[in-house]
Amino acid sequence: FAPGTTDRLGVGYKELSAINPKLIY
């Protein structure tokens, strides 16, 4: 997506890596 899109949706790296620290994003 365009930069910043997933952060605005609440599914950026910060949010998802907190759920799964082994995730490659």
mmCIF file of all heavy atoms, coordinates in Angstrom:
data_MODEL
# 
_entry.id   MODEL 
# 
loop_
_atom_site.group_PDB 
_atom_site.id 
_atom_site.type_symbol 
_atom_site.label_atom_id 
_atom_site.label_alt_id 
_atom_site.label_comp_id 
_atom_site.label_asym_id 
_atom_site.label_entity_id 
_atom_site.label_seq_id 
_atom_site.pdbx_PDB_ins_code 
_atom_site.Cartn_x 
_atom_site.Cartn_y 
_atom_site.Cartn_z 
_atom_site.occupancy 
_atom_site.B_iso_or_equiv 
_atom_site.pdbx_formal_charge 
_atom_site.auth_seq_id 
_atom_site.auth_comp_id 
_atom_site.auth_asym_id 
_atom_site.auth_atom_id 
_atom_site.pdbx_PDB_model_num 
ATOM 1   N N   . PHE A 1 1  ? 0.843  -1.189  0.000  1.00 0.00 ? 1  PHE A N   1 
ATOM 2   C CA  . PHE A 1 1  ? 0.000  0.000   0.000  1.00 0.00 ? 1  PHE A CA  1 
ATOM 3   C C   . PHE A 1 1  ? 0.883  1.246   0.000  1.00 0.00 ? 1  PHE A C   1 
ATOM 4   O O   . PHE A 1 1  ? 2.103  1.166   0.188  1.00 0.00 ? 1  PHE A O   1 
ATOM 5   C CB  . PHE A 1 1  ? -0.886 0.021   1.250  1.00 0.00 ? 1  PHE A CB  1 
ATOM 6   C CG  . PHE A 1 1  ? -1.888 -1.104  1.322  1.00 0.00 ? 1  PHE A CG  1 
ATOM 7   C CD1 . PHE A 1 1  ? -1.848 -2.030  2.362  1.00 0.00 ? 1  PHE A CD1 1 
ATOM 8   C CD2 . PHE A 1 1  ? -2.880 -1.246  0.360  1.00 0.00 ? 1  PHE A CD2 1 
ATOM 9   C CE1 . PHE A 1 1  ? -2.760 -3.062  2.446  1.00 0.00 ? 1  PHE A CE1 1 
ATOM 10  C CE2 . PHE A 1 1  ? -3.801 -2.281  0.433  1.00 0.00 ? 1  PHE A CE2 1 
ATOM 11  C CZ  . PHE A 1 1  ? -3.746 -3.190  1.469  1.00 0.00 ? 1  PHE A CZ  1 
ATOM 12  N N   . ALA A 1 2  ? 0.251  2.390   -0.168 1.00 0.00 ? 2  ALA A N   1 
ATOM 13  C CA  . ALA A 1 2  ? 0.969  3.652   -0.021 1.00 0.00 ? 2  ALA A CA  1 
ATOM 14  C C   . ALA A 1 2  ? 1.501  3.757   1.406  1.00 0.00 ? 2  ALA A C   1 
ATOM 15  O O   . ALA A 1 2  ? 0.871  3.266   2.350  1.00 0.00 ? 2  ALA A O   1 
ATOM 16  C CB  . ALA A 1 2  ? 0.036  4.822   -0.326 1.00 0.00 ? 2  ALA A CB  1 
ATOM 17  N N   . PRO A 1 3  ? 2.673  4.379   1.610  1.00 0.00 ? 3  PRO A N   1 
ATOM 18  C CA  . PRO A 1 3  ? 3.240  4.491   2.956  1.00 0.00 ? 3  PRO A CA  1 
ATOM 19  C C   . PRO A 1 3  ? 2.243  5.096   3.948  1.00 0.00 ? 3  PRO A C   1 
ATOM 20  O O   . PRO A 1 3  ? 1.573  6.080   3.648  1.00 0.00 ? 3  PRO A O   1 
ATOM 21  C CB  . PRO A 1 3  ? 4.447  5.408   2.755  1.00 0.00 ? 3  PRO A CB  1 
ATOM 22  C CG  . PRO A 1 3  ? 4.859  5.181   1.345  1.00 0.00 ? 3  PRO A CG  1 
ATOM 23  C CD  . PRO A 1 3  ? 3.571  4.973   0.591  1.00 0.00 ? 3  PRO A CD  1 
ATOM 24  N N   . GLY A 1 4  ? 2.168  4.486   5.109  1.00 0.00 ? 4  GLY A N   1 
ATOM 25  C CA  . GLY A 1 4  ? 1.288  4.991   6.159  1.00 0.00 ? 4  GLY A CA  1 
ATOM 26  C C   . GLY A 1 4  ? -0.093 4.370   6.177  1.00 0.00 ? 4  GLY A C   1 
ATOM 27  O O   . GLY A 1 4  ? -0.826 4.512   7.169  1.00 0.00 ? 4  GLY A O   1 
ATOM 28  N N   . THR A 1 5  ? -0.491 3.673   5.113  1.00 0.00 ? 5  THR A N   1 
ATOM 29  C CA  . THR A 1 5  ? -1.845 3.118   5.024  1.00 0.00 ? 5  THR A CA  1 
ATOM 30  C C   . THR A 1 5  ? -2.109 2.097   6.134  1.00 0.00 ? 5  THR A C   1 
ATOM 31  O O   . THR A 1 5  ? -3.129 2.161   6.829  1.00 0.00 ? 5  THR A O   1 
ATOM 32  C CB  . THR A 1 5  ? -2.080 2.471   3.653  1.00 0.00 ? 5  THR A CB  1 
ATOM 33  O OG1 . THR A 1 5  ? -1.927 3.459   2.637  1.00 0.00 ? 5  THR A OG1 1 
ATOM 34  C CG2 . THR A 1 5  ? -3.483 1.874   3.562  1.00 0.00 ? 5  THR A CG2 1 
ATOM 35  N N   . THR A 1 6  ? -1.212 1.152   6.310  1.00 0.00 ? 6  THR A N   1 
ATOM 36  C CA  . THR A 1 6  ? -1.460 0.111   7.309  1.00 0.00 ? 6  THR A CA  1 
ATOM 37  C C   . THR A 1 6  ? -1.424 0.686   8.727  1.00 0.00 ? 6  THR A C   1 
ATOM 38  O O   . THR A 1 6  ? -2.147 0.208   9.611  1.00 0.00 ? 6  THR A O   1 
ATOM 39  C CB  . THR A 1 6  ? -0.451 -1.041  7.180  1.00 0.00 ? 6  THR A CB  1 
ATOM 40  O OG1 . THR A 1 6  ? 0.888  -0.511  7.217  1.00 0.00 ? 6  THR A OG1 1 
ATOM 41  C CG2 . THR A 1 6  ? -0.655 -1.788  5.871  1.00 0.00 ? 6  THR A CG2 1 
ATOM 42  N N   . ASP A 1 7  ? -0.604 1.710   8.959  1.00 0.00 ? 7  ASP A N   1 
ATOM 43  C CA  . ASP A 1 7  ? -0.607 2.357   10.273 1.00 0.00 ? 7  ASP A CA  1 
ATOM 44  C C   . ASP A 1 7  ? -1.966 2.987   10.559 1.00 0.00 ? 7  ASP A C   1 
ATOM 45  O O   . ASP A 1 7  ? -2.496 2.875   11.673 1.00 0.00 ? 7  ASP A O   1 
ATOM 46  C CB  . ASP A 1 7  ? 0.487  3.418   10.350 1.00 0.00 ? 7  ASP A CB  1 
ATOM 47  C CG  . ASP A 1 7  ? 1.886  2.814   10.383 1.00 0.00 ? 7  ASP A CG  1 
ATOM 48  O OD1 . ASP A 1 7  ? 2.048  1.730   10.981 1.00 0.00 ? 7  ASP A OD1 1 
ATOM 49  O OD2 . ASP A 1 7  ? 2.809  3.415   9.807  1.00 0.00 ? 7  ASP A OD2 1 
ATOM 50  N N   . ARG A 1 8  ? -2.537 3.641   9.546  1.00 0.00 ? 8  ARG A N   1 
ATOM 51  C CA  . ARG A 1 8  ? -3.850 4.274   9.739  1.00 0.00 ? 8  ARG A CA  1 
ATOM 52  C C   . ARG A 1 8  ? -4.937 3.239   9.994  1.00 0.00 ? 8  ARG A C   1 
ATOM 53  O O   . ARG A 1 8  ? -5.908 3.498   10.710 1.00 0.00 ? 8  ARG A O   1 
ATOM 54  C CB  . ARG A 1 8  ? -4.214 5.129   8.516  1.00 0.00 ? 8  ARG A CB  1 
ATOM 55  C CG  . ARG A 1 8  ? -3.385 6.394   8.385  1.00 0.00 ? 8  ARG A CG  1 
ATOM 56  C CD  . ARG A 1 8  ? -3.990 7.347   7.365  1.00 0.00 ? 8  ARG A CD  1 
ATOM 57  N NE  . ARG A 1 8  ? -4.002 6.786   6.027  1.00 0.00 ? 8  ARG A NE  1 
ATOM 58  C CZ  . ARG A 1 8  ? -2.999 6.894   5.163  1.00 0.00 ? 8  ARG A CZ  1 
ATOM 59  N NH1 . ARG A 1 8  ? -1.869 7.524   5.516  1.00 0.00 ? 8  ARG A NH1 1 
ATOM 60  N NH2 . ARG A 1 8  ? -3.095 6.375   3.957  1.00 0.00 ? 8  ARG A NH2 1 
ATOM 61  N N   . LEU A 1 9  ? -4.774 2.049   9.425  1.00 0.00 ? 9  LEU A N   1 
ATOM 62  C CA  . LEU A 1 9  ? -5.758 0.988   9.627  1.00 0.00 ? 9  LEU A CA  1 
ATOM 63  C C   . LEU A 1 9  ? -5.558 0.257   10.953 1.00 0.00 ? 9  LEU A C   1 
ATOM 64  O O   . LEU A 1 9  ? -6.393 -0.565  11.343 1.00 0.00 ? 9  LEU A O   1 
ATOM 65  C CB  . LEU A 1 9  ? -5.682 -0.028  8.483  1.00 0.00 ? 9  LEU A CB  1 
ATOM 66  C CG  . LEU A 1 9  ? -6.132 0.460   7.098  1.00 0.00 ? 9  LEU A CG  1 
ATOM 67  C CD1 . LEU A 1 9  ? -5.766 -0.567  6.029  1.00 0.00 ? 9  LEU A CD1 1 
ATOM 68  C CD2 . LEU A 1 9  ? -7.634 0.729   7.077  1.00 0.00 ? 9  LEU A CD2 1 
ATOM 69  N N   . GLY A 1 10 ? -4.457 0.535   11.614 1.00 0.00 ? 10 GLY A N   1 
ATOM 70  C CA  . GLY A 1 10 ? -4.174 -0.140  12.879 1.00 0.00 ? 10 GLY A CA  1 
ATOM 71  C C   . GLY A 1 10 ? -3.524 -1.493  12.718 1.00 0.00 ? 10 GLY A C   1 
ATOM 72  O O   . GLY A 1 10 ? -3.554 -2.314  13.646 1.00 0.00 ? 10 GLY A O   1 
ATOM 73  N N   . VAL A 1 11 ? -2.898 -1.722  11.544 1.00 0.00 ? 11 VAL A N   1 
ATOM 74  C CA  . VAL A 1 11 ? -2.239 -3.010  11.307 1.00 0.00 ? 11 VAL A CA  1 
ATOM 75  C C   . VAL A 1 11 ? -0.813 -2.787  10.805 1.00 0.00 ? 11 VAL A C   1 
ATOM 76  O O   . VAL A 1 11 ? -0.299 -3.534  9.980  1.00 0.00 ? 11 VAL A O   1 
ATOM 77  C CB  . VAL A 1 11 ? -3.039 -3.897  10.312 1.00 0.00 ? 11 VAL A CB  1 
ATOM 78  C CG1 . VAL A 1 11 ? -4.356 -4.324  10.926 1.00 0.00 ? 11 VAL A CG1 1 
ATOM 79  C CG2 . VAL A 1 11 ? -3.280 -3.162  8.989  1.00 0.00 ? 11 VAL A CG2 1 
ATOM 80  N N   . GLY A 1 12 ? -0.173 -1.733  11.312 1.00 0.00 ? 12 GLY A N   1 
ATOM 81  C CA  . GLY A 1 12 ? 1.215  -1.476  10.967 1.00 0.00 ? 12 GLY A CA  1 
ATOM 82  C C   . GLY A 1 12 ? 2.159  -2.387  11.740 1.00 0.00 ? 12 GLY A C   1 
ATOM 83  O O   . GLY A 1 12 ? 1.746  -3.218  12.563 1.00 0.00 ? 12 GLY A O   1 
ATOM 84  N N   . TYR A 1 13 ? 3.438  -2.220  11.486 1.00 0.00 ? 13 TYR A N   1 
ATOM 85  C CA  . TYR A 1 13 ? 4.434  -3.105  12.099 1.00 0.00 ? 13 TYR A CA  1 
ATOM 86  C C   . TYR A 1 13 ? 4.404  -3.037  13.614 1.00 0.00 ? 13 TYR A C   1 
ATOM 87  O O   . TYR A 1 13 ? 4.504  -4.061  14.307 1.00 0.00 ? 13 TYR A O   1 
ATOM 88  C CB  . TYR A 1 13 ? 5.835  -2.752  11.590 1.00 0.00 ? 13 TYR A CB  1 
ATOM 89  C CG  . TYR A 1 13 ? 6.918  -3.558  12.259 1.00 0.00 ? 13 TYR A CG  1 
ATOM 90  C CD1 . TYR A 1 13 ? 7.018  -4.931  12.046 1.00 0.00 ? 13 TYR A CD1 1 
ATOM 91  C CD2 . TYR A 1 13 ? 7.841  -2.953  13.127 1.00 0.00 ? 13 TYR A CD2 1 
ATOM 92  C CE1 . TYR A 1 13 ? 8.003  -5.685  12.671 1.00 0.00 ? 13 TYR A CE1 1 
ATOM 93  C CE2 . TYR A 1 13 ? 8.835  -3.712  13.747 1.00 0.00 ? 13 TYR A CE2 1 
ATOM 94  C CZ  . TYR A 1 13 ? 8.910  -5.068  13.515 1.00 0.00 ? 13 TYR A CZ  1 
ATOM 95  O OH  . TYR A 1 13 ? 9.882  -5.814  14.134 1.00 0.00 ? 13 TYR A OH  1 
ATOM 96  N N   . LYS A 1 14 ? 4.259  -1.838  14.170 1.00 0.00 ? 14 LYS A N   1 
ATOM 97  C CA  . LYS A 1 14 ? 4.283  -1.700  15.630 1.00 0.00 ? 14 LYS A CA  1 
ATOM 98  C C   . LYS A 1 14 ? 3.178  -2.524  16.277 1.00 0.00 ? 14 LYS A C   1 
ATOM 99  O O   . LYS A 1 14 ? 3.422  -3.256  17.251 1.00 0.00 ? 14 LYS A O   1 
ATOM 100 C CB  . LYS A 1 14 ? 4.141  -0.221  16.006 1.00 0.00 ? 14 LYS A CB  1 
ATOM 101 C CG  . LYS A 1 14 ? 4.228  0.040   17.500 1.00 0.00 ? 14 LYS A CG  1 
ATOM 102 C CD  . LYS A 1 14 ? 4.131  1.541   17.788 1.00 0.00 ? 14 LYS A CD  1 
ATOM 103 C CE  . LYS A 1 14 ? 4.191  1.807   19.284 1.00 0.00 ? 14 LYS A CE  1 
ATOM 104 N NZ  . LYS A 1 14 ? 4.085  3.269   19.581 1.00 0.00 ? 14 LYS A NZ  1 
ATOM 105 N N   . GLU A 1 15 ? 1.971  -2.430  15.715 1.00 0.00 ? 15 GLU A N   1 
ATOM 106 C CA  . GLU A 1 15 ? 0.842  -3.162  16.293 1.00 0.00 ? 15 GLU A CA  1 
ATOM 107 C C   . GLU A 1 15 ? 1.002  -4.673  16.118 1.00 0.00 ? 15 GLU A C   1 
ATOM 108 O O   . GLU A 1 15 ? 0.761  -5.450  17.055 1.00 0.00 ? 15 GLU A O   1 
ATOM 109 C CB  . GLU A 1 15 ? -0.473 -2.728  15.646 1.00 0.00 ? 15 GLU A CB  1 
ATOM 110 C CG  . GLU A 1 15 ? -0.919 -1.309  15.977 1.00 0.00 ? 15 GLU A CG  1 
ATOM 111 C CD  . GLU A 1 15 ? -0.258 -0.263  15.089 1.00 0.00 ? 15 GLU A CD  1 
ATOM 112 O OE1 . GLU A 1 15 ? 0.531  -0.647  14.189 1.00 0.00 ? 15 GLU A OE1 1 
ATOM 113 O OE2 . GLU A 1 15 ? -0.538 0.935   15.287 1.00 0.00 ? 15 GLU A OE2 1 
ATOM 114 N N   . LEU A 1 16 ? 1.388  -5.094  14.918 1.00 0.00 ? 16 LEU A N   1 
ATOM 115 C CA  . LEU A 1 16 ? 1.401  -6.532  14.638 1.00 0.00 ? 16 LEU A CA  1 
ATOM 116 C C   . LEU A 1 16 ? 2.615  -7.239  15.241 1.00 0.00 ? 16 LEU A C   1 
ATOM 117 O O   . LEU A 1 16 ? 2.521  -8.399  15.643 1.00 0.00 ? 16 LEU A O   1 
ATOM 118 C CB  . LEU A 1 16 ? 1.329  -6.771  13.135 1.00 0.00 ? 16 LEU A CB  1 
ATOM 119 C CG  . LEU A 1 16 ? 0.053  -6.241  12.451 1.00 0.00 ? 16 LEU A CG  1 
ATOM 120 C CD1 . LEU A 1 16 ? 0.007  -6.692  11.000 1.00 0.00 ? 16 LEU A CD1 1 
ATOM 121 C CD2 . LEU A 1 16 ? -1.208 -6.667  13.181 1.00 0.00 ? 16 LEU A CD2 1 
ATOM 122 N N   . SER A 1 17 ? 3.744  -6.564  15.325 1.00 0.00 ? 17 SER A N   1 
ATOM 123 C CA  . SER A 1 17 ? 4.911  -7.206  15.937 1.00 0.00 ? 17 SER A CA  1 
ATOM 124 C C   . SER A 1 17 ? 4.730  -7.379  17.436 1.00 0.00 ? 17 SER A C   1 
ATOM 125 O O   . SER A 1 17 ? 5.348  -8.268  18.046 1.00 0.00 ? 17 SER A O   1 
ATOM 126 C CB  . SER A 1 17 ? 6.181  -6.398  15.652 1.00 0.00 ? 17 SER A CB  1 
ATOM 127 O OG  . SER A 1 17 ? 6.091  -5.102  16.229 1.00 0.00 ? 17 SER A OG  1 
ATOM 128 N N   . ALA A 1 18 ? 3.880  -6.536  18.048 1.00 0.00 ? 18 ALA A N   1 
ATOM 129 C CA  . ALA A 1 18 ? 3.574  -6.717  19.471 1.00 0.00 ? 18 ALA A CA  1 
ATOM 130 C C   . ALA A 1 18 ? 2.773  -7.996  19.693 1.00 0.00 ? 18 ALA A C   1 
ATOM 131 O O   . ALA A 1 18 ? 2.883  -8.639  20.742 1.00 0.00 ? 18 ALA A O   1 
ATOM 132 C CB  . ALA A 1 18 ? 2.802  -5.502  19.990 1.00 0.00 ? 18 ALA A CB  1 
ATOM 133 N N   . ILE A 1 19 ? 1.976  -8.376  18.685 1.00 0.00 ? 19 ILE A N   1 
ATOM 134 C CA  . ILE A 1 19 ? 1.182  -9.613  18.762 1.00 0.00 ? 19 ILE A CA  1 
ATOM 135 C C   . ILE A 1 19 ? 2.052  -10.834 18.487 1.00 0.00 ? 19 ILE A C   1 
ATOM 136 O O   . ILE A 1 19 ? 1.937  -11.865 19.150 1.00 0.00 ? 19 ILE A O   1 
ATOM 137 C CB  . ILE A 1 19 ? 0.024  -9.550  17.747 1.00 0.00 ? 19 ILE A CB  1 
ATOM 138 C CG1 . ILE A 1 19 ? -0.934 -8.416  18.112 1.00 0.00 ? 19 ILE A CG1 1 
ATOM 139 C CG2 . ILE A 1 19 ? -0.720 -10.878 17.654 1.00 0.00 ? 19 ILE A CG2 1 
ATOM 140 C CD1 . ILE A 1 19 ? -1.939 -8.107  17.029 1.00 0.00 ? 19 ILE A CD1 1 
ATOM 141 N N   . ASN A 1 20 ? 2.933  -10.697 17.489 1.00 0.00 ? 20 ASN A N   1 
ATOM 142 C CA  . ASN A 1 20 ? 3.794  -11.808 17.089 1.00 0.00 ? 20 ASN A CA  1 
ATOM 143 C C   . ASN A 1 20 ? 5.208  -11.280 16.877 1.00 0.00 ? 20 ASN A C   1 
ATOM 144 O O   . ASN A 1 20 ? 5.542  -10.809 15.773 1.00 0.00 ? 20 ASN A O   1 
ATOM 145 C CB  . ASN A 1 20 ? 3.259  -12.461 15.814 1.00 0.00 ? 20 ASN A CB  1 
ATOM 146 C CG  . ASN A 1 20 ? 4.114  -13.623 15.344 1.00 0.00 ? 20 ASN A CG  1 
ATOM 147 O OD1 . ASN A 1 20 ? 5.161  -13.922 15.926 1.00 0.00 ? 20 ASN A OD1 1 
ATOM 148 N ND2 . ASN A 1 20 ? 3.692  -14.291 14.286 1.00 0.00 ? 20 ASN A ND2 1 
ATOM 149 N N   . PRO A 1 21 ? 6.056  -11.330 17.896 1.00 0.00 ? 21 PRO A N   1 
ATOM 150 C CA  . PRO A 1 21 ? 7.418  -10.789 17.778 1.00 0.00 ? 21 PRO A CA  1 
ATOM 151 C C   . PRO A 1 21 ? 8.274  -11.495 16.719 1.00 0.00 ? 21 PRO A C   1 
ATOM 152 O O   . PRO A 1 21 ? 9.311  -10.962 16.320 1.00 0.00 ? 21 PRO A O   1 
ATOM 153 C CB  . PRO A 1 21 ? 8.007  -11.001 19.179 1.00 0.00 ? 21 PRO A CB  1 
ATOM 154 C CG  . PRO A 1 21 ? 6.827  -11.125 20.081 1.00 0.00 ? 21 PRO A CG  1 
ATOM 155 C CD  . PRO A 1 21 ? 5.773  -11.812 19.259 1.00 0.00 ? 21 PRO A CD  1 
ATOM 156 N N   . LYS A 1 22 ? 7.856  -12.663 16.259 1.00 0.00 ? 22 LYS A N   1 
ATOM 157 C CA  . LYS A 1 22 ? 8.631  -13.388 15.239 1.00 0.00 ? 22 LYS A CA  1 
ATOM 158 C C   . LYS A 1 22 ? 8.173  -13.051 13.817 1.00 0.00 ? 22 LYS A C   1 
ATOM 159 O O   . LYS A 1 22 ? 8.706  -13.580 12.846 1.00 0.00 ? 22 LYS A O   1 
ATOM 160 C CB  . LYS A 1 22 ? 8.504  -14.899 15.477 1.00 0.00 ? 22 LYS A CB  1 
ATOM 161 C CG  . LYS A 1 22 ? 9.064  -15.368 16.815 1.00 0.00 ? 22 LYS A CG  1 
ATOM 162 C CD  . LYS A 1 22 ? 8.998  -16.871 16.958 1.00 0.00 ? 22 LYS A CD  1 
ATOM 163 C CE  . LYS A 1 22 ? 10.029 -17.536 16.071 1.00 0.00 ? 22 LYS A CE  1 
ATOM 164 N NZ  . LYS A 1 22 ? 10.117 -19.011 16.318 1.00 0.00 ? 22 LYS A NZ  1 
ATOM 165 N N   . LEU A 1 23 ? 7.217  -12.143 13.701 1.00 0.00 ? 23 LEU A N   1 
ATOM 166 C CA  . LEU A 1 23 ? 6.664  -11.805 12.389 1.00 0.00 ? 23 LEU A CA  1 
ATOM 167 C C   . LEU A 1 23 ? 7.679  -11.053 11.529 1.00 0.00 ? 23 LEU A C   1 
ATOM 168 O O   . LEU A 1 23 ? 8.342  -10.120 11.997 1.00 0.00 ? 23 LEU A O   1 
ATOM 169 C CB  . LEU A 1 23 ? 5.422  -10.924 12.564 1.00 0.00 ? 23 LEU A CB  1 
ATOM 170 C CG  . LEU A 1 23 ? 4.691  -10.512 11.276 1.00 0.00 ? 23 LEU A CG  1 
ATOM 171 C CD1 . LEU A 1 23 ? 3.989  -11.713 10.647 1.00 0.00 ? 23 LEU A CD1 1 
ATOM 172 C CD2 . LEU A 1 23 ? 3.691  -9.386  11.560 1.00 0.00 ? 23 LEU A CD2 1 
ATOM 173 N N   . ILE A 1 24 ? 7.794  -11.459 10.256 1.00 0.00 ? 24 ILE A N   1 
ATOM 174 C CA  . ILE A 1 24 ? 8.503  -10.670 9.244  1.00 0.00 ? 24 ILE A CA  1 
ATOM 175 C C   . ILE A 1 24 ? 7.463  -9.786  8.567  1.00 0.00 ? 24 ILE A C   1 
ATOM 176 O O   . ILE A 1 24 ? 6.514  -10.302 7.961  1.00 0.00 ? 24 ILE A O   1 
ATOM 177 C CB  . ILE A 1 24 ? 9.197  -11.565 8.190  1.00 0.00 ? 24 ILE A CB  1 
ATOM 178 C CG1 . ILE A 1 24 ? 10.100 -12.608 8.853  1.00 0.00 ? 24 ILE A CG1 1 
ATOM 179 C CG2 . ILE A 1 24 ? 9.961  -10.702 7.197  1.00 0.00 ? 24 ILE A CG2 1 
ATOM 180 C CD1 . ILE A 1 24 ? 11.233 -12.057 9.661  1.00 0.00 ? 24 ILE A CD1 1 
ATOM 181 N N   . TYR A 1 25 ? 7.623  -8.480  8.668  1.00 0.00 ? 25 TYR A N   1 
ATOM 182 C CA  . TYR A 1 25 ? 6.646  -7.522  8.135  1.00 0.00 ? 25 TYR A CA  1 
ATOM 183 C C   . TYR A 1 25 ? 7.303  -6.805  6.958  1.00 0.00 ? 25 TYR A C   1 
ATOM 184 O O   . TYR A 1 25 ? 8.281  -6.076  7.127  1.00 0.00 ? 25 TYR A O   1 
ATOM 185 C CB  . TYR A 1 25 ? 6.269  -6.522  9.225  1.00 0.00 ? 25 TYR A CB  1 
ATOM 186 C CG  . TYR A 1 25 ? 5.111  -5.598  8.881  1.00 0.00 ? 25 TYR A CG  1 
ATOM 187 C CD1 . TYR A 1 25 ? 3.866  -5.793  9.461  1.00 0.00 ? 25 TYR A CD1 1 
ATOM 188 C CD2 . TYR A 1 25 ? 5.271  -4.530  8.006  1.00 0.00 ? 25 TYR A CD2 1 
ATOM 189 C CE1 . TYR A 1 25 ? 2.796  -4.947  9.180  1.00 0.00 ? 25 TYR A CE1 1 
ATOM 190 C CE2 . TYR A 1 25 ? 4.216  -3.684  7.708  1.00 0.00 ? 25 TYR A CE2 1 
ATOM 191 C CZ  . TYR A 1 25 ? 2.983  -3.891  8.304  1.00 0.00 ? 25 TYR A CZ  1 
ATOM 192 O OH  . TYR A 1 25 ? 1.930  -3.050  8.013  1.00 0.00 ? 25 TYR A OH  1 
# 
